């Protein structure tokens, strides 16, 4: 399910809970609406509010750090690809095949990670990985009769290892880290909190508008968390600009 759909679902659940409590509160028996009961409700929900606030803060920081790390991995992959292409360019005509294979690999990686037309993402595409293996075989087959050639070949192999490392870093770090039970518990806490707001609030237009804005804000925060947890999908996906610029350099 998309982050937008989950965010709208959370908004509907929280606002519905608040409105249900606001509507039902006047109909409760008098003994369930006295001051002591309301005080206990406030104290109990206050504990949940503290825990939820801490959890939301930690969760936001965690998914933002993970998103930034993935963005950094994409940038490092693009840099390693450009530097490897440069080393092969300096090697000369014998490295033309390796350079062509490297360009094909970079193009395939971009197509796999940012597919067009709604196609599925295929980060661990066997055919793309085989292209990288072909690049390695082509580099290993380069003649190295002179010291300059040997130095360039060693540098190219070192850059190739960097490309492989960043490729697997992106593959292993691209999955969602938020589990469904964890998200369900968090949304359950938020539902209790907003139901308590409706229980303690007088039924008037100002309260309804305030609860509407608050639930919209919390739902927007949850939407951002869910989107950041999916670095290559949704509205806040990691940009393909570094790899696109790398391909432009390689085609010159």
Protein backbone atom coordinates (compact mmCIF):
# COMPACT_ATOMS: atom_id res chain seq x y z
CA UNK A 1 0.00 0.00 0.00
CA UNK A 2 1.25 3.49 -0.84
CA UNK A 3 2.27 6.01 1.79
CA UNK A 4 -0.54 8.35 0.69
CA UNK A 5 -3.18 5.66 1.16
CA UNK A 6 -1.81 4.75 4.59
CA UNK A 7 -1.68 8.40 5.59
CA UNK A 8 -5.31 8.93 4.56
CA UNK A 9 -6.34 5.77 6.41
CA UNK A 10 -4.59 6.95 9.57
CA UNK A 11 -6.23 10.37 9.28
CA UNK A 12 -9.69 8.80 8.92
CA UNK A 13 -9.08 6.48 11.89
CA UNK A 14 -7.81 9.19 14.24
CA UNK A 15 -10.41 11.77 13.31
CA UNK A 16 -13.16 9.15 13.45
CA UNK A 17 -12.06 8.09 16.94
CA UNK A 18 -12.02 11.69 18.15
CA UNK A 19 -15.46 12.44 16.68
CA UNK A 20 -16.92 9.20 18.06
CA UNK A 21 -15.71 10.03 21.56
CA UNK A 22 -16.91 13.62 21.23
CA UNK A 23 -20.36 12.42 20.18
CA UNK A 24 -20.70 9.63 22.73
CA UNK A 25 -19.36 11.51 25.76
CA UNK A 26 -22.61 13.43 26.58
CA UNK A 27 -24.58 10.18 26.37
CA UNK A 28 -22.51 8.35 28.97
CA UNK A 29 -23.94 7.83 32.48
CA UNK A 30 -23.16 10.63 34.91
CA UNK A 31 -20.87 8.44 37.03
CA UNK A 32 -18.63 7.91 33.96
CA UNK A 33 -18.33 11.67 33.36
CA UNK A 34 -17.44 12.97 36.79
CA UNK A 35 -14.26 14.90 37.54
CA UNK A 36 -12.34 11.99 39.04
CA UNK A 37 -12.99 9.81 35.99
CA UNK A 38 -11.83 12.55 33.64
CA UNK A 39 -8.69 13.10 35.74
CA UNK A 40 -7.79 9.41 35.54
CA UNK A 41 -8.36 9.41 31.80
CA UNK A 42 -6.07 12.44 31.42
CA UNK A 43 -3.31 10.85 33.54
CA UNK A 44 -3.47 7.50 31.74
CA UNK A 45 -3.48 9.05 28.30
CA UNK A 46 -0.70 11.43 29.35
CA UNK A 47 1.58 8.42 29.79
CA UNK A 48 0.71 7.19 26.30
CA UNK A 49 1.29 10.68 24.88
CA UNK A 50 4.81 10.76 26.33
CA UNK A 51 5.69 7.31 24.99
CA UNK A 52 4.21 8.07 21.57
CA UNK A 53 6.04 11.39 21.32
CA UNK A 54 9.36 9.76 22.14
CA UNK A 55 8.71 6.94 19.71
CA UNK A 56 7.70 9.29 16.89
CA UNK A 57 10.83 11.36 17.41
CA UNK A 58 13.12 8.33 17.41
CA UNK A 59 11.31 6.84 14.43
CA UNK A 60 11.54 10.02 12.38
CA UNK A 61 15.25 10.37 13.09
CA UNK A 62 15.88 6.71 12.24
CA UNK A 63 14.08 6.66 8.89
CA UNK A 64 15.58 10.05 7.90
CA UNK A 65 19.09 8.76 8.66
CA UNK A 66 18.38 5.60 6.64
CA UNK A 67 17.05 7.67 3.72
CA UNK A 68 20.07 9.97 3.78
CA UNK A 69 22.41 6.96 3.90
CA UNK A 70 20.74 5.49 0.82
CA UNK A 71 20.97 8.82 -1.00
CA UNK A 72 24.67 8.95 -0.11
CA UNK A 73 25.18 5.41 -1.43
CA UNK A 74 23.64 6.40 -4.78
CA UNK A 75 25.94 9.42 -4.98
CA UNK A 76 28.99 7.31 -4.11
CA UNK A 77 28.00 4.73 -6.73
CA UNK A 78 27.77 7.47 -9.36
CA UNK A 79 31.17 8.84 -8.31
CA UNK A 80 32.83 5.43 -8.45
CA UNK A 81 31.36 4.78 -11.90
CA UNK A 82 32.66 8.12 -13.25
CA UNK A 83 36.13 7.59 -11.75
CA UNK A 84 36.29 4.04 -13.12
CA UNK A 85 35.32 5.32 -16.56
CA UNK A 86 38.01 8.00 -16.31
CA UNK A 87 40.67 5.41 -15.44
CA UNK A 88 39.64 3.29 -18.42
CA UNK A 89 39.64 6.37 -20.66
CA UNK A 90 43.22 7.16 -19.62
CA UNK A 91 44.19 3.57 -20.36
CA UNK A 92 43.42 4.13 -24.02
CA UNK A 93 41.83 2.17 -26.90
CA UNK A 94 42.31 -1.31 -25.35
CA UNK A 95 39.81 -0.34 -22.64
CA UNK A 96 37.05 0.68 -25.08
CA UNK A 97 35.11 -2.56 -24.58
CA UNK A 98 35.27 -2.25 -20.79
CA UNK A 99 34.02 1.35 -21.01
CA UNK A 100 31.11 0.34 -23.23
CA UNK A 101 30.14 -2.42 -20.79
CA UNK A 102 30.38 0.03 -17.89
CA UNK A 103 28.03 2.47 -19.64
CA UNK A 104 25.58 -0.37 -20.25
CA UNK A 105 25.80 -1.30 -16.57
CA UNK A 106 25.13 2.29 -15.44
CA UNK A 107 22.15 2.59 -17.80
CA UNK A 108 20.74 -0.77 -16.66
CA UNK A 109 21.15 0.21 -12.99
CA UNK A 110 19.24 3.41 -13.57
CA UNK A 111 16.46 1.55 -15.40
CA UNK A 112 16.23 -1.09 -12.67
CA UNK A 113 16.15 1.41 -9.80
CA UNK A 114 14.00 4.12 -11.38
CA UNK A 115 11.85 2.25 -13.94
CA UNK A 116 9.56 4.11 -16.31
CA UNK A 117 5.87 3.48 -16.93
CA UNK A 118 5.09 1.96 -13.55
CA UNK A 119 7.36 -1.05 -14.01
CA UNK A 120 8.51 -2.79 -10.81
CA UNK A 121 11.83 -1.91 -9.21
CA UNK A 122 14.46 -4.62 -9.73
CA UNK A 123 17.49 -3.68 -7.67
CA UNK A 124 18.87 -7.22 -7.55
CA UNK A 125 18.62 -7.84 -11.30
CA UNK A 126 20.80 -10.82 -12.28
CA UNK A 127 21.34 -9.49 -15.81
CA UNK A 128 22.61 -6.15 -14.47
CA UNK A 129 24.93 -7.92 -12.03
CA UNK A 130 26.29 -10.02 -14.91
CA UNK A 131 27.11 -6.82 -16.80
CA UNK A 132 29.30 -5.76 -13.88
CA UNK A 133 31.01 -9.17 -13.99
CA UNK A 134 31.69 -8.63 -17.69
CA UNK A 135 33.24 -5.26 -16.89
CA UNK A 136 35.55 -6.98 -14.39
CA UNK A 137 36.55 -9.66 -16.90
CA UNK A 138 37.26 -6.99 -19.52
CA UNK A 139 39.43 -5.01 -17.08
CA UNK A 140 41.34 -8.13 -15.99
CA UNK A 141 42.02 -8.95 -19.67
CA UNK A 142 43.68 -5.58 -20.33
CA UNK A 143 47.38 -5.82 -21.22
CA UNK A 144 49.73 -4.37 -18.64
CA UNK A 145 53.16 -4.38 -20.23
CA UNK A 146 54.16 -0.91 -18.97
CA UNK A 147 54.17 0.46 -15.43
CA UNK A 148 51.66 3.18 -16.34
CA UNK A 149 49.25 0.56 -17.66
CA UNK A 150 49.70 -1.56 -14.54
CA UNK A 151 48.97 1.45 -12.30
CA UNK A 152 45.84 2.35 -14.28
CA UNK A 153 44.69 -1.27 -14.22
CA UNK A 154 45.13 -1.48 -10.44
CA UNK A 155 43.25 1.79 -10.04
CA UNK A 156 40.43 0.57 -12.30
CA UNK A 157 40.07 -2.66 -10.31
CA UNK A 158 39.99 -0.69 -7.07
CA UNK A 159 37.22 1.54 -8.43
CA UNK A 160 35.38 -1.54 -9.66
CA UNK A 161 35.39 -2.94 -6.13
CA UNK A 162 33.90 0.35 -4.97
CA UNK A 163 31.12 0.06 -7.55
CA UNK A 164 30.34 -3.49 -6.40
CA UNK A 165 30.31 -2.44 -2.75
CA UNK A 166 27.91 0.45 -3.34
CA UNK A 167 25.67 -1.73 -5.51
CA UNK A 168 25.21 -4.24 -2.70
CA UNK A 169 24.87 -1.51 -0.09
CA UNK A 170 21.93 -0.12 -2.08
CA UNK A 171 20.38 -3.57 -2.57
CA UNK A 172 20.62 -4.53 1.10
CA UNK A 173 19.49 -1.15 2.42
CA UNK A 174 16.56 -0.57 0.09
CA UNK A 175 13.95 -2.60 1.98
CA UNK A 176 11.40 -1.13 4.35
CA UNK A 177 12.38 -1.24 8.02
CA UNK A 178 8.96 -0.46 9.53
CA UNK A 179 7.18 -3.67 10.50
CA UNK A 180 3.39 -3.96 10.28
CA UNK A 181 2.92 -4.87 14.01
CA UNK A 182 5.07 -1.91 15.08
CA UNK A 183 3.06 0.46 12.89
CA UNK A 184 -0.23 -1.02 14.13
CA UNK A 185 0.76 -0.48 17.78
CA UNK A 186 1.81 3.11 17.11
CA UNK A 187 -1.45 3.88 15.30
CA UNK A 188 -3.38 2.22 18.14
CA UNK A 189 -1.72 4.51 20.67
CA UNK A 190 -2.53 7.55 18.53
CA UNK A 191 -6.14 6.40 18.24
CA UNK A 192 -6.45 6.18 22.02
CA UNK A 193 -4.93 9.63 22.40
CA UNK A 194 -7.35 11.28 19.97
CA UNK A 195 -10.31 9.40 21.41
CA UNK A 196 -9.36 10.84 24.82
CA UNK A 197 -9.23 14.32 23.29
CA UNK A 198 -12.79 13.86 22.09
CA UNK A 199 -13.83 12.48 25.50
CA UNK A 200 -12.50 15.52 27.37
CA UNK A 201 -13.55 18.23 24.89
CA UNK A 202 -16.81 20.20 24.74
CA UNK A 203 -18.76 19.55 21.51
CA UNK A 204 -18.39 22.78 19.54
CA UNK A 205 -17.12 23.90 16.14
CA UNK A 206 -13.74 25.14 17.40
CA UNK A 207 -12.98 21.75 18.95
CA UNK A 208 -13.93 19.93 15.75
CA UNK A 209 -11.71 22.17 13.59
CA UNK A 210 -8.83 21.83 16.07
CA UNK A 211 -9.11 18.04 16.11
CA UNK A 212 -9.32 18.01 12.32
CA UNK A 213 -6.09 20.01 11.99
CA UNK A 214 -4.30 17.93 14.62
CA UNK A 215 -5.25 14.62 13.04
CA UNK A 216 -4.21 15.94 9.63
CA UNK A 217 -0.82 16.97 11.06
CA UNK A 218 -0.20 13.58 12.68
CA UNK A 219 -1.33 11.75 9.53
CA UNK A 220 1.06 13.92 7.47
CA UNK A 221 3.90 13.03 9.86
CA UNK A 222 3.10 9.33 9.51
CA UNK A 223 2.98 9.74 5.73
CA UNK A 224 6.47 11.27 5.75
CA UNK A 225 7.81 8.47 7.95
CA UNK A 226 6.36 5.78 5.67
CA UNK A 227 7.65 7.52 2.54
CA UNK A 228 11.16 7.96 3.95
CA UNK A 229 11.19 4.26 4.84
CA UNK A 230 10.78 3.41 1.14
CA UNK A 231 13.77 5.20 -0.45
CA UNK A 232 13.10 4.22 -4.06
CA UNK A 233 9.30 4.41 -4.13
CA UNK A 234 6.68 7.08 -3.61
CA UNK A 235 6.78 10.86 -3.65
CA UNK A 236 10.00 11.21 -1.63
CA UNK A 237 12.13 8.71 -3.55
CA UNK A 238 15.91 9.08 -3.74
CA UNK A 239 16.77 11.04 -6.89
CA UNK A 240 18.45 9.45 -9.90
CA UNK A 241 20.19 12.74 -10.73
CA UNK A 242 23.70 11.61 -9.60
CA UNK A 243 23.57 8.57 -11.87
CA UNK A 244 22.08 10.60 -14.71
CA UNK A 245 24.93 13.11 -14.47
CA UNK A 246 27.43 10.25 -14.35
CA UNK A 247 26.04 8.87 -17.61
CA UNK A 248 26.31 12.29 -19.22
CA UNK A 249 30.02 12.44 -18.27
CA UNK A 250 30.60 8.92 -19.59
CA UNK A 251 29.06 9.71 -23.00
CA UNK A 252 31.37 12.63 -23.67
